[in-house]
Structures are given as structure tokens and as C-alpha cells.
Amino acid sequence: MEIKEKRIPEQKVAYVPHTDSFSKLPEFIEEVGELIAENNLEAVGYPYGSYDNDLEEYAENHQIFEVGMPIKSFDMGGKPAGRLGKLGLKEVTSHTVLSAIHKGSHKNFNESIKEMVNYAIENQYDIVGPITEIYLPAAPGTAVEDTKTEIQLPVIYMGPKRD
């Protein structure tokens, strides 16, 4: 797995927080898409799931995460965040992440996460935020082993000064 540092630009997102099972992710993604459409917002990116908790420490049906999508804009009267019923809206500032593509089933997803965390530690990065998964589109009928998910780990480089 190739791990790269990259800069994520400032963006606005619409999201719904959950304490539930990741097995329901497809229906949560659909729900966010429907709420975005119902509120006349425009999605401008791929759906994501973001979580702070250790997947091995929490029961399968008690995972804490949010599911959302980048949106073009929202108006909350000058405030950086707000709610439209169940749908949360927020501005995410530009930040640095370590990024890698996980290919295939999520059965061994923790191994990819561990590899990224070890890479961060070995290369003098501090992890400063939740793990985010970007669900990349696949053609209908794509085999599970051919699906791709981008993993983003927010970091700050703490090593020697670089040019």
C-alpha cells in the first residue's frame, strides 16, 4: 500500500452522526444523499465515513462515526456550522493527511489502518484527527476485491525541517 502526504482544501460538508454498526453504511450514505437533496444542497464530492474510536475496542453495533459528503455551499447566517434537522453542516479547514488506497473488502481494513498509523509514527507525524474513509465509486457489478476506499489520516509533521 502506497502512503502519501497530501493537502485537503477547505470544504463544506453535510453529515449525520451515528452510534451504530458499520454494516449499515450503505443505508447511511443513501440517507445523507437524500437529506442533501431534500434541503436543496449540492453534493460536490464522494461520500465519507469518519471515526475516532478504535474499531477493536467497541462492540460492532456501538461504533461512533459520522457519514457525510462535501457540498458546494450552505448559508447559516455567517456561522461556520449548523443543523437542518438531522443533517449537520460544517466547514472543515484545510489540513494535511496521510492518504492511501485500500483495495478490496473491509474485512482486513484494520490492517491498512495499522500500517498507516505505523507509517505516521516511523516518519515523525502526529495524528491530529479522526480517520476518514472516502468511498470511491465503482461500476455496477464490480467485485468486492476490486473496490477502492481512500483512507485519510489527519497529521502534522513533527520531524526535521523540510525544504
Protein backbone atom coordinates (compact mmCIF):
# COMPACT_ATOMS: atom_id res chain seq x y z
CA MET A 1 0.00 0.00 0.00
CA GLU A 2 1.44 3.35 -1.05
CA ILE A 3 1.08 6.08 1.60
CA LYS A 4 1.37 9.74 0.56
CA GLU A 5 1.13 13.08 2.33
CA LYS A 6 -1.40 15.42 0.76
CA ARG A 7 -3.21 18.66 1.49
CA ILE A 8 -7.01 18.66 1.71
CA PRO A 9 -8.53 22.02 0.74
CA GLU A 10 -11.09 23.84 2.88
CA GLN A 11 -14.52 22.39 2.28
CA LYS A 12 -18.10 22.48 3.47
CA VAL A 13 -19.73 19.18 4.39
CA ALA A 14 -23.18 17.84 5.23
CA TYR A 15 -23.18 14.89 7.63
CA VAL A 16 -25.18 12.76 10.04
CA PRO A 17 -23.57 11.38 13.24
CA HIS A 18 -24.22 7.75 14.20
CA THR A 19 -23.61 5.29 17.02
CA ASP A 20 -24.37 2.04 15.28
CA SER A 21 -22.87 -0.69 13.09
CA PHE A 22 -20.70 -0.03 10.04
CA SER A 23 -22.70 -2.76 8.32
CA LYS A 24 -25.44 -0.14 7.85
CA LEU A 25 -23.08 2.21 6.00
CA PRO A 26 -24.79 1.89 2.59
CA GLU A 27 -28.15 2.98 4.03
CA PHE A 28 -26.48 5.84 5.98
CA ILE A 29 -24.80 7.09 2.78
CA GLU A 30 -28.15 6.95 0.98
CA GLU A 31 -29.78 8.84 3.87
CA VAL A 32 -27.22 11.67 3.68
CA GLY A 33 -27.70 11.93 -0.08
CA GLU A 34 -31.47 12.16 0.37
CA LEU A 35 -31.16 14.81 3.11
CA ILE A 36 -28.80 16.85 0.93
CA ALA A 37 -31.32 16.74 -1.93
CA GLU A 38 -34.31 17.49 0.35
CA ASN A 39 -32.54 20.60 1.65
CA ASN A 40 -31.63 21.84 -1.85
CA LEU A 41 -27.89 21.45 -1.26
CA GLU A 42 -25.44 20.32 -3.93
CA ALA A 43 -23.04 17.44 -3.28
CA VAL A 44 -19.62 18.03 -4.86
CA GLY A 45 -17.61 15.02 -3.78
CA TYR A 46 -17.69 11.40 -2.73
CA PRO A 47 -19.33 10.15 0.47
CA TYR A 48 -17.15 9.64 3.52
CA GLY A 49 -17.20 8.00 6.92
CA SER A 50 -15.14 9.49 9.72
CA TYR A 51 -14.48 7.90 13.11
CA ASP A 52 -12.38 8.46 16.23
CA ASN A 53 -12.92 5.20 18.06
CA ASP A 54 -10.75 2.09 17.91
CA LEU A 55 -12.74 -0.43 15.89
CA GLU A 56 -11.44 -3.29 18.02
CA GLU A 57 -12.44 -1.66 21.34
CA TYR A 58 -16.11 -1.01 20.59
CA ALA A 59 -18.89 -3.52 20.01
CA GLU A 60 -19.89 -3.98 16.37
CA ASN A 61 -23.23 -2.21 16.94
CA HIS A 62 -21.73 0.63 19.00
CA GLN A 63 -19.29 2.27 16.57
CA ILE A 64 -19.18 6.09 16.79
CA PHE A 65 -18.87 7.80 13.41
CA GLU A 66 -20.28 10.35 11.02
CA VAL A 67 -21.29 9.84 7.42
CA GLY A 68 -21.29 12.79 5.06
CA MET A 69 -20.49 14.38 1.72
CA PRO A 70 -18.78 17.58 0.64
CA ILE A 71 -21.30 20.17 -0.52
CA LYS A 72 -20.99 23.29 -2.65
CA SER A 73 -22.26 25.77 -0.05
CA PHE A 74 -24.69 26.48 2.75
CA ASP A 75 -25.96 29.63 4.41
CA MET A 76 -26.12 29.68 8.19
CA GLY A 77 -26.15 33.45 8.59
CA GLY A 78 -22.38 33.75 8.78
CA LYS A 79 -21.92 30.86 11.26
CA PRO A 80 -19.40 28.13 10.34
CA ALA A 81 -21.79 25.29 11.26
CA GLY A 82 -25.41 24.47 11.91
CA ARG A 83 -28.16 21.88 11.63
CA LEU A 84 -31.04 21.30 9.28
CA GLY A 85 -32.93 18.77 11.38
CA LYS A 86 -30.88 15.58 11.42
CA LEU A 87 -28.38 16.94 8.88
CA GLY A 88 -25.31 18.70 10.29
CA LEU A 89 -23.44 21.31 8.27
CA LYS A 90 -19.88 22.43 8.93
CA GLU A 91 -16.82 24.00 7.39
CA VAL A 92 -13.67 21.88 7.51
CA THR A 93 -10.43 23.86 7.36
CA SER A 94 -7.61 22.93 5.00
CA HIS A 95 -5.42 20.23 6.55
CA THR A 96 -2.67 17.70 5.86
CA VAL A 97 -3.39 13.97 5.73
CA LEU A 98 -1.57 10.77 5.06
CA SER A 99 -3.53 9.10 2.27
CA ALA A 100 -3.61 5.56 0.93
CA ILE A 101 -5.95 3.44 -1.17
CA HIS A 102 -7.33 0.30 0.45
CA LYS A 103 -8.41 -2.19 -2.18
CA GLY A 104 -10.99 -4.88 -1.56
CA SER A 105 -13.12 -5.98 1.35
CA HIS A 106 -13.26 -4.14 4.66
CA LYS A 107 -12.61 -7.45 6.47
CA ASN A 108 -8.88 -6.59 6.69
CA PHE A 109 -9.37 -2.80 6.84
CA ASN A 110 -7.80 -2.61 10.32
CA GLU A 111 -4.55 -3.90 8.84
CA SER A 112 -4.45 -0.95 6.43
CA ILE A 113 -5.17 1.46 9.30
CA LYS A 114 -2.40 -0.08 11.42
CA GLU A 115 0.04 0.21 8.52
CA MET A 116 -0.81 3.92 8.16
CA VAL A 117 -0.51 4.59 11.90
CA ASN A 118 2.86 2.82 12.00
CA TYR A 119 4.00 4.84 8.97
CA ALA A 120 2.96 8.06 10.74
CA ILE A 121 4.90 7.15 13.87
CA GLU A 122 8.01 5.97 12.00
CA ASN A 123 8.06 9.13 9.86
CA GLN A 124 7.57 11.62 12.72
CA TYR A 125 3.94 12.61 12.18
CA ASP A 126 1.50 13.36 15.00
CA ILE A 127 -2.03 12.11 14.32
CA VAL A 128 -4.38 15.03 14.98
CA GLY A 129 -7.85 13.94 13.93
CA PRO A 130 -10.22 11.13 13.08
CA ILE A 131 -9.64 8.54 10.39
CA THR A 132 -11.71 9.29 7.32
CA GLU A 133 -12.70 6.83 4.62
CA ILE A 134 -13.64 8.20 1.18
CA TYR A 135 -15.85 5.73 -0.68
CA LEU A 136 -14.71 5.82 -4.29
CA PRO A 137 -17.31 4.93 -6.91
CA ALA A 138 -17.26 1.53 -8.58
CA ALA A 139 -19.12 0.37 -11.65
CA PRO A 140 -22.21 -1.79 -11.03
CA GLY A 141 -21.22 -5.40 -10.63
CA THR A 142 -17.65 -4.62 -9.55
CA ALA A 143 -16.26 -7.49 -7.48
CA VAL A 144 -15.64 -6.64 -3.81
CA GLU A 145 -11.92 -7.35 -4.20
CA ASP A 146 -11.76 -4.61 -6.86
CA THR A 147 -13.48 -1.85 -4.85
CA LYS A 148 -11.36 1.02 -3.55
CA THR A 149 -11.56 3.19 -0.44
CA GLU A 150 -9.24 6.11 0.21
CA ILE A 151 -8.07 6.28 3.82
CA GLN A 152 -7.12 9.71 5.17
CA LEU A 153 -5.32 10.18 8.47
CA PRO A 154 -5.01 13.86 9.57
CA VAL A 155 -1.44 14.60 10.64
CA ILE A 156 1.12 17.26 11.50
CA TYR A 157 4.72 16.60 10.51
CA MET A 158 6.95 16.90 13.59
CA GLY A 159 10.30 15.82 12.12
CA PRO A 160 13.27 17.89 10.96
CA LYS A 161 12.55 20.90 8.78
CA ARG A 162 11.98 20.03 5.13
CA ASP A 163 12.60 22.22 2.08
